[in-house]
Amino acid sequence: MGSSVVGGGDRQQLRQVLGFLEAPAEQRDYSAINDALAQMDADGTLSRLSVKYFGMDISEEQ
């Protein structure tokens, strides 16, 4: 059986998955997260999730 990050797993594997969290905030590279959010915004996913969980679209500035 393989180890599970959520179930305890290998500490090194967890560091690889969440490696950017170990860097000081000013040195973190959020580009992958920002790219994913931009893609979700472009395809309407952010809007759909906003309506589902907040009852209205809060993904757009009013």
PDB file of N, CA and C in Angstrom:
ATOM      1  N   MET A   1       0.827  -1.185   0.000  1.00  0.00           N
ATOM      2  CA  MET A   1       0.000   0.000   0.000  1.00  0.00           C
ATOM      3  C   MET A   1       0.867   1.242   0.000  1.00  0.00           C
ATOM      4  N   GLY A   2       0.457   2.284  -0.733  1.00  0.00           N
ATOM      5  CA  GLY A   2       1.176   3.548  -0.751  1.00  0.00           C
ATOM      6  C   GLY A   2       0.792   4.397   0.441  1.00  0.00           C
ATOM      7  N   SER A   3       1.658   5.343   0.739  1.00  0.00           N
ATOM      8  CA  SER A   3       1.350   6.219   1.864  1.00  0.00           C
ATOM      9  C   SER A   3       0.401   7.323   1.418  1.00  0.00           C
ATOM     10  N   SER A   4      -0.357   7.804   2.341  1.00  0.00           N
ATOM     11  CA  SER A   4      -1.318   8.873   2.077  1.00  0.00           C
ATOM     12  C   SER A   4      -0.874  10.134   2.786  1.00  0.00           C
ATOM     13  N   VAL A   5      -0.825  11.239   2.052  1.00  0.00           N
ATOM     14  CA  VAL A   5      -0.458  12.509   2.669  1.00  0.00           C
ATOM     15  C   VAL A   5      -1.466  12.866   3.742  1.00  0.00           C
ATOM     16  N   VAL A   6      -2.742  12.676   3.456  1.00  0.00           N
ATOM     17  CA  VAL A   6      -3.784  13.030   4.407  1.00  0.00           C
ATOM     18  C   VAL A   6      -3.756  12.097   5.607  1.00  0.00           C
ATOM     19  N   GLY A   7      -3.492  10.828   5.378  1.00  0.00           N
ATOM     20  CA  GLY A   7      -3.522   9.841   6.448  1.00  0.00           C
ATOM     21  C   GLY A   7      -2.234   9.764   7.251  1.00  0.00           C
ATOM     22  N   GLY A   8      -1.326  10.649   7.090  1.00  0.00           N
ATOM     23  CA  GLY A   8      -0.084  10.628   7.852  1.00  0.00           C
ATOM     24  C   GLY A   8       1.092  10.607   6.913  1.00  0.00           C
ATOM     25  N   GLY A   9       1.173   9.579   6.121  1.00  0.00           N
ATOM     26  CA  GLY A   9       2.131   9.457   5.036  1.00  0.00           C
ATOM     27  C   GLY A   9       3.541   9.929   5.312  1.00  0.00           C
ATOM     28  N   ASP A  10       4.262  10.120   4.277  1.00  0.00           N
ATOM     29  CA  ASP A  10       5.656  10.499   4.301  1.00  0.00           C
ATOM     30  C   ASP A  10       5.788  12.012   4.432  1.00  0.00           C
ATOM     31  N   ARG A  11       6.540  12.465   5.440  1.00  0.00           N
ATOM     32  CA  ARG A  11       6.707  13.903   5.678  1.00  0.00           C
ATOM     33  C   ARG A  11       7.358  14.597   4.479  1.00  0.00           C
ATOM     34  N   GLN A  12       8.307  13.933   3.828  1.00  0.00           N
ATOM     35  CA  GLN A  12       8.964  14.519   2.653  1.00  0.00           C
ATOM     36  C   GLN A  12       7.958  14.703   1.524  1.00  0.00           C
ATOM     37  N   GLN A  13       7.071  13.764   1.328  1.00  0.00           N
ATOM     38  CA  GLN A  13       6.044  13.880   0.293  1.00  0.00           C
ATOM     39  C   GLN A  13       5.136  15.065   0.591  1.00  0.00           C
ATOM     40  N   LEU A  14       4.780  15.239   1.850  1.00  0.00           N
ATOM     41  CA  LEU A  14       3.944  16.371   2.241  1.00  0.00           C
ATOM     42  C   LEU A  14       4.664  17.677   1.951  1.00  0.00           C
ATOM     43  N   ARG A  15       5.969  17.739   2.228  1.00  0.00           N
ATOM     44  CA  ARG A  15       6.734  18.953   1.937  1.00  0.00           C
ATOM     45  C   ARG A  15       6.752  19.243   0.441  1.00  0.00           C
ATOM     46  N   GLN A  16       6.826  18.213  -0.386  1.00  0.00           N
ATOM     47  CA  GLN A  16       6.823  18.424  -1.834  1.00  0.00           C
ATOM     48  C   GLN A  16       5.479  18.956  -2.295  1.00  0.00           C
ATOM     49  N   VAL A  17       4.405  18.415  -1.749  1.00  0.00           N
ATOM     50  CA  VAL A  17       3.067  18.838  -2.151  1.00  0.00           C
ATOM     51  C   VAL A  17       2.799  20.273  -1.701  1.00  0.00           C
ATOM     52  N   LEU A  18       3.223  20.601  -0.499  1.00  0.00           N
ATOM     53  CA  LEU A  18       2.945  21.918   0.065  1.00  0.00           C
ATOM     54  C   LEU A  18       4.221  22.729   0.267  1.00  0.00           C
ATOM     55  N   GLY A  19       5.204  22.478  -0.542  1.00  0.00           N
ATOM     56  CA  GLY A  19       6.512  23.094  -0.388  1.00  0.00           C
ATOM     57  C   GLY A  19       6.509  24.600  -0.319  1.00  0.00           C
ATOM     58  N   PHE A  20       5.661  25.241  -1.071  1.00  0.00           N
ATOM     59  CA  PHE A  20       5.661  26.699  -1.065  1.00  0.00           C
ATOM     60  C   PHE A  20       5.296  27.266   0.304  1.00  0.00           C
ATOM     61  N   LEU A  21       4.628  26.487   1.146  1.00  0.00           N
ATOM     62  CA  LEU A  21       4.245  26.979   2.469  1.00  0.00           C
ATOM     63  C   LEU A  21       5.441  27.078   3.408  1.00  0.00           C
ATOM     64  N   GLU A  22       6.512  26.368   3.098  1.00  0.00           N
ATOM     65  CA  GLU A  22       7.682  26.407   3.962  1.00  0.00           C
ATOM     66  C   GLU A  22       8.582  27.598   3.665  1.00  0.00           C
ATOM     67  N   ALA A  23       8.404  28.229   2.535  1.00  0.00           N
ATOM     68  CA  ALA A  23       9.205  29.406   2.194  1.00  0.00           C
ATOM     69  C   ALA A  23       8.611  30.620   2.898  1.00  0.00           C
ATOM     70  N   PRO A  24       9.449  31.604   3.207  1.00  0.00           N
ATOM     71  CA  PRO A  24       8.901  32.848   3.760  1.00  0.00           C
ATOM     72  C   PRO A  24       7.867  33.424   2.786  1.00  0.00           C
ATOM     73  N   ALA A  25       6.855  34.061   3.324  1.00  0.00           N
ATOM     74  CA  ALA A  25       5.737  34.558   2.506  1.00  0.00           C
ATOM     75  C   ALA A  25       6.200  35.369   1.312  1.00  0.00           C
ATOM     76  N   GLU A  26       7.198  36.221   1.488  1.00  0.00           N
ATOM     77  CA  GLU A  26       7.651  37.072   0.390  1.00  0.00           C
ATOM     78  C   GLU A  26       8.388  36.295  -0.701  1.00  0.00           C
ATOM     79  N   GLN A  27       8.726  35.031  -0.446  1.00  0.00           N
ATOM     80  CA  GLN A  27       9.438  34.221  -1.432  1.00  0.00           C
ATOM     81  C   GLN A  27       8.565  33.137  -2.058  1.00  0.00           C
ATOM     82  N   ARG A  28       7.325  33.047  -1.654  1.00  0.00           N
ATOM     83  CA  ARG A  28       6.457  31.982  -2.171  1.00  0.00           C
ATOM     84  C   ARG A  28       6.047  32.278  -3.604  1.00  0.00           C
ATOM     85  N   ASP A  29       5.960  31.219  -4.381  1.00  0.00           N
ATOM     86  CA  ASP A  29       5.533  31.333  -5.775  1.00  0.00           C
ATOM     87  C   ASP A  29       4.086  30.845  -5.878  1.00  0.00           C
ATOM     88  N   TYR A  30       3.189  31.786  -6.008  1.00  0.00           N
ATOM     89  CA  TYR A  30       1.768  31.479  -6.084  1.00  0.00           C
ATOM     90  C   TYR A  30       1.280  31.362  -7.531  1.00  0.00           C
ATOM     91  N   SER A  31       2.172  31.309  -8.485  1.00  0.00           N
ATOM     92  CA  SER A  31       1.769  31.335  -9.890  1.00  0.00           C
ATOM     93  C   SER A  31       0.859  30.165 -10.266  1.00  0.00           C
ATOM     94  N   ALA A  32       1.115  28.975  -9.763  1.00  0.00           N
ATOM     95  CA  ALA A  32       0.261  27.826 -10.103  1.00  0.00           C
ATOM     96  C   ALA A  32      -1.145  28.011  -9.540  1.00  0.00           C
ATOM     97  N   ILE A  33      -1.228  28.539  -8.321  1.00  0.00           N
ATOM     98  CA  ILE A  33      -2.535  28.788  -7.713  1.00  0.00           C
ATOM     99  C   ILE A  33      -3.255  29.887  -8.479  1.00  0.00           C
ATOM    100  N   ASN A  34      -2.537  30.958  -8.787  1.00  0.00           N
ATOM    101  CA  ASN A  34      -3.148  32.059  -9.542  1.00  0.00           C
ATOM    102  C   ASN A  34      -3.602  31.605 -10.923  1.00  0.00           C
ATOM    103  N   ASP A  35      -2.817  30.751 -11.574  1.00  0.00           N
ATOM    104  CA  ASP A  35      -3.199  30.224 -12.891  1.00  0.00           C
ATOM    105  C   ASP A  35      -4.472  29.391 -12.791  1.00  0.00           C
ATOM    106  N   ALA A  36      -4.561  28.557 -11.757  1.00  0.00           N
ATOM    107  CA  ALA A  36      -5.752  27.722 -11.579  1.00  0.00           C
ATOM    108  C   ALA A  36      -6.981  28.591 -11.313  1.00  0.00           C
ATOM    109  N   LEU A  37      -6.832  29.614 -10.475  1.00  0.00           N
ATOM    110  CA  LEU A  37      -7.963  30.515 -10.205  1.00  0.00           C
ATOM    111  C   LEU A  37      -8.387  31.276 -11.453  1.00  0.00           C
ATOM    112  N   ALA A  38      -7.420  31.704 -12.253  1.00  0.00           N
ATOM    113  CA  ALA A  38      -7.743  32.404 -13.500  1.00  0.00           C
ATOM    114  C   ALA A  38      -8.502  31.490 -14.453  1.00  0.00           C
ATOM    115  N   GLN A  39      -8.092  30.236 -14.529  1.00  0.00           N
ATOM    116  CA  GLN A  39      -8.781  29.273 -15.391  1.00  0.00           C
ATOM    117  C   GLN A  39     -10.204  29.019 -14.878  1.00  0.00           C
ATOM    118  N   MET A  40     -10.361  28.908 -13.559  1.00  0.00           N
ATOM    119  CA  MET A  40     -11.686  28.705 -12.977  1.00  0.00           C
ATOM    120  C   MET A  40     -12.585  29.910 -13.213  1.00  0.00           C
ATOM    121  N   ASP A  41     -12.005  31.095 -13.185  1.00  0.00           N
ATOM    122  CA  ASP A  41     -12.771  32.304 -13.465  1.00  0.00           C
ATOM    123  C   ASP A  41     -13.201  32.325 -14.927  1.00  0.00           C
ATOM    124  N   ALA A  42     -12.283  31.986 -15.823  1.00  0.00           N
ATOM    125  CA  ALA A  42     -12.571  32.022 -17.260  1.00  0.00           C
ATOM    126  C   ALA A  42     -13.644  31.019 -17.670  1.00  0.00           C
ATOM    127  N   ASP A  43     -13.649  29.832 -17.038  1.00  0.00           N
ATOM    128  CA  ASP A  43     -14.633  28.821 -17.458  1.00  0.00           C
ATOM    129  C   ASP A  43     -15.921  28.856 -16.642  1.00  0.00           C
ATOM    130  N   GLY A  44     -16.021  29.828 -15.712  1.00  0.00           N
ATOM    131  CA  GLY A  44     -17.255  29.992 -14.949  1.00  0.00           C
ATOM    132  C   GLY A  44     -17.334  29.195 -13.660  1.00  0.00           C
ATOM    133  N   THR A  45     -16.300  28.429 -13.349  1.00  0.00           N
ATOM    134  CA  THR A  45     -16.320  27.600 -12.144  1.00  0.00           C
ATOM    135  C   THR A  45     -16.405  28.443 -10.882  1.00  0.00           C
ATOM    136  N   LEU A  46     -15.648  29.536 -10.805  1.00  0.00           N
ATOM    137  CA  LEU A  46     -15.698  30.387  -9.612  1.00  0.00           C
ATOM    138  C   LEU A  46     -17.099  30.930  -9.383  1.00  0.00           C
ATOM    139  N   SER A  47     -17.743  31.361 -10.439  1.00  0.00           N
ATOM    140  CA  SER A  47     -19.098  31.887 -10.332  1.00  0.00           C
ATOM    141  C   SER A  47     -20.069  30.808  -9.845  1.00  0.00           C
ATOM    142  N   ARG A  48     -19.981  29.615 -10.420  1.00  0.00           N
ATOM    143  CA  ARG A  48     -20.874  28.519 -10.017  1.00  0.00           C
ATOM    144  C   ARG A  48     -20.660  28.141  -8.552  1.00  0.00           C
ATOM    145  N   LEU A  49     -19.400  28.047  -8.116  1.00  0.00           N
ATOM    146  CA  LEU A  49     -19.120  27.710  -6.722  1.00  0.00           C
ATOM    147  C   LEU A  49     -19.601  28.811  -5.780  1.00  0.00           C
ATOM    148  N   SER A  50     -19.438  30.038  -6.197  1.00  0.00           N
ATOM    149  CA  SER A  50     -19.887  31.174  -5.400  1.00  0.00           C
ATOM    150  C   SER A  50     -21.395  31.111  -5.177  1.00  0.00           C
ATOM    151  N   VAL A  51     -22.139  30.878  -6.228  1.00  0.00           N
ATOM    152  CA  VAL A  51     -23.598  30.790  -6.118  1.00  0.00           C
ATOM    153  C   VAL A  51     -23.988  29.581  -5.264  1.00  0.00           C
ATOM    154  N   LYS A  52     -23.306  28.468  -5.462  1.00  0.00           N
ATOM    155  CA  LYS A  52     -23.619  27.253  -4.706  1.00  0.00           C
ATOM    156  C   LYS A  52     -23.420  27.457  -3.209  1.00  0.00           C
ATOM    157  N   TYR A  53     -22.303  28.060  -2.817  1.00  0.00           N
ATOM    158  CA  TYR A  53     -21.965  28.153  -1.399  1.00  0.00           C
ATOM    159  C   TYR A  53     -22.365  29.455  -0.725  1.00  0.00           C
ATOM    160  N   PHE A  54     -22.573  30.528  -1.493  1.00  0.00           N
ATOM    161  CA  PHE A  54     -22.919  31.818  -0.902  1.00  0.00           C
ATOM    162  C   PHE A  54     -24.278  32.340  -1.344  1.00  0.00           C
ATOM    163  N   GLY A  55     -24.915  31.632  -2.289  1.00  0.00           N
ATOM    164  CA  GLY A  55     -26.233  32.044  -2.747  1.00  0.00           C
ATOM    165  C   GLY A  55     -26.212  33.210  -3.718  1.00  0.00           C
ATOM    166  N   MET A  56     -25.030  33.677  -4.065  1.00  0.00           N
ATOM    167  CA  MET A  56     -24.875  34.768  -5.032  1.00  0.00           C
ATOM    168  C   MET A  56     -23.449  34.748  -5.568  1.00  0.00           C
ATOM    169  N   ASP A  57     -23.244  35.428  -6.661  1.00  0.00           N
ATOM    170  CA  ASP A  57     -21.924  35.449  -7.291  1.00  0.00           C
ATOM    171  C   ASP A  57     -21.066  36.519  -6.627  1.00  0.00           C
ATOM    172  N   ILE A  58     -20.149  36.090  -5.786  1.00  0.00           N
ATOM    173  CA  ILE A  58     -19.242  37.042  -5.153  1.00  0.00           C
ATOM    174  C   ILE A  58     -17.865  37.050  -5.819  1.00  0.00           C
ATOM    175  N   SER A  59     -17.765  36.378  -6.970  1.00  0.00           N
ATOM    176  CA  SER A  59     -16.481  36.307  -7.664  1.00  0.00           C
ATOM    177  C   SER A  59     -16.199  37.568  -8.488  1.00  0.00           C
ATOM    178  N   GLU A  60     -17.214  38.388  -8.668  1.00  0.00           N
ATOM    179  CA  GLU A  60     -17.059  39.644  -9.415  1.00  0.00           C
ATOM    180  C   GLU A  60     -17.168  40.819  -8.458  1.00  0.00           C
ATOM    181  N   GLU A  61     -16.355  41.856  -8.691  1.00  0.00           N
ATOM    182  CA  GLU A  61     -16.468  43.070  -7.884  1.00  0.00           C
ATOM    183  C   GLU A  61     -17.779  43.769  -8.189  1.00  0.00           C
ATOM    184  N   GLN A  62     -18.402  44.302  -7.165  1.00  0.00           N
ATOM    185  CA  GLN A  62     -19.672  45.002  -7.314  1.00  0.00           C
ATOM    186  C   GLN A  62     -19.433  46.449  -7.679  1.00  0.00           C
TER     187      GLN A  62
END
